[in-house]
Amino acid sequence: MAQWNGSDLEKVGAAEELELASERPNGTLRDAVTMWVVRSGDRLYVRSVKGTDGPWWRGTQSRSRGRIEAGGVERDVAFHPVDPGEYAGVDAAYREKYGRYTSIGEHVLTDAARASTLRLEPR
């Protein structure tokens, strides 16, 4: 598993939003989508508010690779599904970071959203 360097981890983790473009099977990038990103420990996570039915989430499944941009950092990443044991830490990170926005919490803390949780790893 690749590790984030401290500076990139801090910048991306602190960014209010993240732009995510997944790779198509032919290696080209799909159009980027804007989403909420959180840091839990030394890892970065995203979730689909539509769960695994979300179009961008389904796009991450073809190659499990893409590119992100947030906080002045642009990186090629790999998308990794997470173990349900990680959900509590990710939930807490979403509550802490976006708790002032009631609607965000209502969308990213559902069972469907949890099932779509992806860890972002630099490549």
C-alpha atoms as a PDB file:
ATOM      1  CA  MET A   1       0.000   0.000   0.000  1.00  0.00           C
ATOM      2  CA  ALA A   2       1.411   3.366  -1.051  1.00  0.00           C
ATOM      3  CA  GLN A   3       1.569   6.115   1.563  1.00  0.00           C
ATOM      4  CA  TRP A   4       0.731   9.800   1.233  1.00  0.00           C
ATOM      5  CA  ASN A   5       3.504  12.233   2.018  1.00  0.00           C
ATOM      6  CA  GLY A   6       2.633  14.443   4.980  1.00  0.00           C
ATOM      7  CA  SER A   7       2.129  17.645   3.017  1.00  0.00           C
ATOM      8  CA  ASP A   8      -0.196  16.120   0.408  1.00  0.00           C
ATOM      9  CA  LEU A   9      -2.136  14.238   3.082  1.00  0.00           C
ATOM     10  CA  GLU A  10      -2.716  17.457   5.032  1.00  0.00           C
ATOM     11  CA  LYS A  11      -3.678  19.520   1.980  1.00  0.00           C
ATOM     12  CA  VAL A  12      -6.086  16.994   0.498  1.00  0.00           C
ATOM     13  CA  GLY A  13      -7.540  16.111   3.889  1.00  0.00           C
ATOM     14  CA  ALA A  14      -8.194  19.776   4.672  1.00  0.00           C
ATOM     15  CA  ALA A  15      -9.727  20.594   1.275  1.00  0.00           C
ATOM     16  CA  GLU A  16     -13.457  21.261   1.387  1.00  0.00           C
ATOM     17  CA  GLU A  17     -13.988  19.407  -1.891  1.00  0.00           C
ATOM     18  CA  LEU A  18     -12.104  17.053  -4.157  1.00  0.00           C
ATOM     19  CA  GLU A  19     -12.240  16.580  -7.929  1.00  0.00           C
ATOM     20  CA  LEU A  20     -12.133  12.902  -8.891  1.00  0.00           C
ATOM     21  CA  ALA A  21     -11.734  11.477 -12.403  1.00  0.00           C
ATOM     22  CA  SER A  22     -11.715   7.697 -12.795  1.00  0.00           C
ATOM     23  CA  GLU A  23      -9.991   5.836 -15.607  1.00  0.00           C
ATOM     24  CA  ARG A  24     -11.944   4.155 -18.355  1.00  0.00           C
ATOM     25  CA  PRO A  25     -10.926   0.660 -19.487  1.00  0.00           C
ATOM     26  CA  ASN A  26      -8.901   2.273 -22.318  1.00  0.00           C
ATOM     27  CA  GLY A  27      -6.897   4.369 -19.816  1.00  0.00           C
ATOM     28  CA  THR A  28      -8.477   7.751 -20.575  1.00  0.00           C
ATOM     29  CA  LEU A  29     -10.001   9.771 -17.751  1.00  0.00           C
ATOM     30  CA  ARG A  30     -13.716  10.329 -17.301  1.00  0.00           C
ATOM     31  CA  ASP A  31     -14.953  13.835 -16.546  1.00  0.00           C
ATOM     32  CA  ALA A  32     -14.117  14.811 -12.976  1.00  0.00           C
ATOM     33  CA  VAL A  33     -16.836  14.931 -10.342  1.00  0.00           C
ATOM     34  CA  THR A  34     -16.799  17.073  -7.212  1.00  0.00           C
ATOM     35  CA  MET A  35     -17.128  15.297  -3.882  1.00  0.00           C
ATOM     36  CA  TRP A  36     -16.397  15.476  -0.177  1.00  0.00           C
ATOM     37  CA  VAL A  37     -13.154  13.956   1.054  1.00  0.00           C
ATOM     38  CA  VAL A  38     -12.072  13.083   4.578  1.00  0.00           C
ATOM     39  CA  ARG A  39      -8.911  12.065   6.324  1.00  0.00           C
ATOM     40  CA  SER A  40      -8.943   9.373   8.976  1.00  0.00           C
ATOM     41  CA  GLY A  41      -5.508   8.721  10.424  1.00  0.00           C
ATOM     42  CA  ASP A  42      -3.040   8.682   7.542  1.00  0.00           C
ATOM     43  CA  ARG A  43      -5.620   7.712   4.948  1.00  0.00           C
ATOM     44  CA  LEU A  44      -8.007   9.583   2.645  1.00  0.00           C
ATOM     45  CA  TYR A  45     -11.547   8.454   1.861  1.00  0.00           C
ATOM     46  CA  VAL A  46     -14.488   9.311  -0.380  1.00  0.00           C
ATOM     47  CA  ARG A  47     -18.073   8.017  -0.470  1.00  0.00           C
ATOM     48  CA  SER A  48     -20.897   8.090  -2.951  1.00  0.00           C
ATOM     49  CA  VAL A  49     -24.108   9.626  -1.633  1.00  0.00           C
ATOM     50  CA  LYS A  50     -25.924   7.274  -4.034  1.00  0.00           C
ATOM     51  CA  GLY A  51     -24.016   4.271  -2.745  1.00  0.00           C
ATOM     52  CA  THR A  52     -22.689   1.700  -5.167  1.00  0.00           C
ATOM     53  CA  ASP A  53     -25.372   2.750  -7.683  1.00  0.00           C
ATOM     54  CA  GLY A  54     -23.719   6.162  -8.088  1.00  0.00           C
ATOM     55  CA  PRO A  55     -22.376   6.657 -11.627  1.00  0.00           C
ATOM     56  CA  TRP A  56     -18.964   7.954 -10.519  1.00  0.00           C
ATOM     57  CA  TRP A  57     -18.561   5.047  -8.071  1.00  0.00           C
ATOM     58  CA  ARG A  58     -19.364   2.500 -10.791  1.00  0.00           C
ATOM     59  CA  GLY A  59     -16.761   4.246 -12.962  1.00  0.00           C
ATOM     60  CA  THR A  60     -14.078   3.607 -10.348  1.00  0.00           C
ATOM     61  CA  GLN A  61     -14.679  -0.123 -10.607  1.00  0.00           C
ATOM     62  CA  SER A  62     -13.480  -0.628 -14.200  1.00  0.00           C
ATOM     63  CA  ARG A  63      -9.790  -0.023 -13.447  1.00  0.00           C
ATOM     64  CA  SER A  64      -9.704   1.092  -9.793  1.00  0.00           C
ATOM     65  CA  ARG A  65      -7.492   4.000 -10.851  1.00  0.00           C
ATOM     66  CA  GLY A  66      -7.889   7.673 -11.539  1.00  0.00           C
ATOM     67  CA  ARG A  67      -6.744  11.166 -10.682  1.00  0.00           C
ATOM     68  CA  ILE A  68      -7.718  13.536  -7.910  1.00  0.00           C
ATOM     69  CA  GLU A  69      -7.228  17.237  -7.373  1.00  0.00           C
ATOM     70  CA  ALA A  70      -7.761  18.991  -4.047  1.00  0.00           C
ATOM     71  CA  GLY A  71      -6.004  21.557  -1.898  1.00  0.00           C
ATOM     72  CA  GLY A  72      -3.528  22.345  -4.656  1.00  0.00           C
ATOM     73  CA  VAL A  73      -2.522  18.676  -4.977  1.00  0.00           C
ATOM     74  CA  GLU A  74      -3.037  16.688  -8.171  1.00  0.00           C
ATOM     75  CA  ARG A  75      -2.228  12.973  -7.937  1.00  0.00           C
ATOM     76  CA  ASP A  76      -2.848   9.725  -9.734  1.00  0.00           C
ATOM     77  CA  VAL A  77      -4.534   7.377  -7.285  1.00  0.00           C
ATOM     78  CA  ALA A  78      -5.796   3.855  -6.831  1.00  0.00           C
ATOM     79  CA  PHE A  79      -9.283   3.271  -5.406  1.00  0.00           C
ATOM     80  CA  HIS A  80      -9.520   0.566  -2.756  1.00  0.00           C
ATOM     81  CA  PRO A  81     -12.678  -0.745  -1.109  1.00  0.00           C
ATOM     82  CA  VAL A  82     -12.496  -0.647   2.657  1.00  0.00           C
ATOM     83  CA  ASP A  83     -13.246  -3.147   5.343  1.00  0.00           C
ATOM     84  CA  PRO A  84     -16.450  -2.334   7.288  1.00  0.00           C
ATOM     85  CA  GLY A  85     -14.209  -2.047  10.351  1.00  0.00           C
ATOM     86  CA  GLU A  86     -12.976   1.271   8.917  1.00  0.00           C
ATOM     87  CA  TYR A  87     -16.477   2.780   8.653  1.00  0.00           C
ATOM     88  CA  ALA A  88     -16.560   4.155  12.209  1.00  0.00           C
ATOM     89  CA  GLY A  89     -13.376   6.204  11.722  1.00  0.00           C
ATOM     90  CA  VAL A  90     -14.575   7.480   8.349  1.00  0.00           C
ATOM     91  CA  ASP A  91     -18.008   8.320   9.803  1.00  0.00           C
ATOM     92  CA  ALA A  92     -16.338  10.284  12.603  1.00  0.00           C
ATOM     93  CA  ALA A  93     -14.166  12.155  10.087  1.00  0.00           C
ATOM     94  CA  TYR A  94     -17.231  13.131   8.023  1.00  0.00           C
ATOM     95  CA  ARG A  95     -19.086  14.290  11.154  1.00  0.00           C
ATOM     96  CA  GLU A  96     -16.123  16.362  12.323  1.00  0.00           C
ATOM     97  CA  LYS A  97     -15.316  17.950   8.980  1.00  0.00           C
ATOM     98  CA  TYR A  98     -18.802  18.489   7.548  1.00  0.00           C
ATOM     99  CA  GLY A  99     -21.009  18.391  10.660  1.00  0.00           C
ATOM    100  CA  ARG A 100     -22.014  22.017  10.214  1.00  0.00           C
ATOM    101  CA  TYR A 101     -23.814  20.969   6.999  1.00  0.00           C
ATOM    102  CA  THR A 102     -26.801  18.886   8.055  1.00  0.00           C
ATOM    103  CA  SER A 103     -27.546  17.696   4.532  1.00  0.00           C
ATOM    104  CA  ILE A 104     -24.030  16.327   3.993  1.00  0.00           C
ATOM    105  CA  GLY A 105     -24.251  14.203   7.108  1.00  0.00           C
ATOM    106  CA  GLU A 106     -27.629  12.884   6.061  1.00  0.00           C
ATOM    107  CA  HIS A 107     -26.150  11.742   2.751  1.00  0.00           C
ATOM    108  CA  VAL A 108     -22.728  10.318   3.641  1.00  0.00           C
ATOM    109  CA  LEU A 109     -23.692   8.499   6.835  1.00  0.00           C
ATOM    110  CA  THR A 110     -26.269   6.128   5.334  1.00  0.00           C
ATOM    111  CA  ASP A 111     -25.693   2.396   4.976  1.00  0.00           C
ATOM    112  CA  ALA A 112     -25.653   2.784   1.168  1.00  0.00           C
ATOM    113  CA  ALA A 113     -22.982   5.501   1.332  1.00  0.00           C
ATOM    114  CA  ARG A 114     -20.885   3.472   3.782  1.00  0.00           C
ATOM    115  CA  ALA A 115     -20.930   0.497   1.394  1.00  0.00           C
ATOM    116  CA  SER A 116     -19.372   2.718  -1.300  1.00  0.00           C
ATOM    117  CA  THR A 117     -16.465   3.949   0.845  1.00  0.00           C
ATOM    118  CA  LEU A 118     -13.202   4.010  -1.088  1.00  0.00           C
ATOM    119  CA  ARG A 119      -9.707   4.621   0.239  1.00  0.00           C
ATOM    120  CA  LEU A 120      -7.537   6.792  -2.017  1.00  0.00           C
ATOM    121  CA  GLU A 121      -3.936   5.683  -2.331  1.00  0.00           C
ATOM    122  CA  PRO A 122      -1.277   7.547  -4.309  1.00  0.00           C
ATOM    123  CA  ARG A 123       0.363   5.693  -7.180  1.00  0.00           C
END
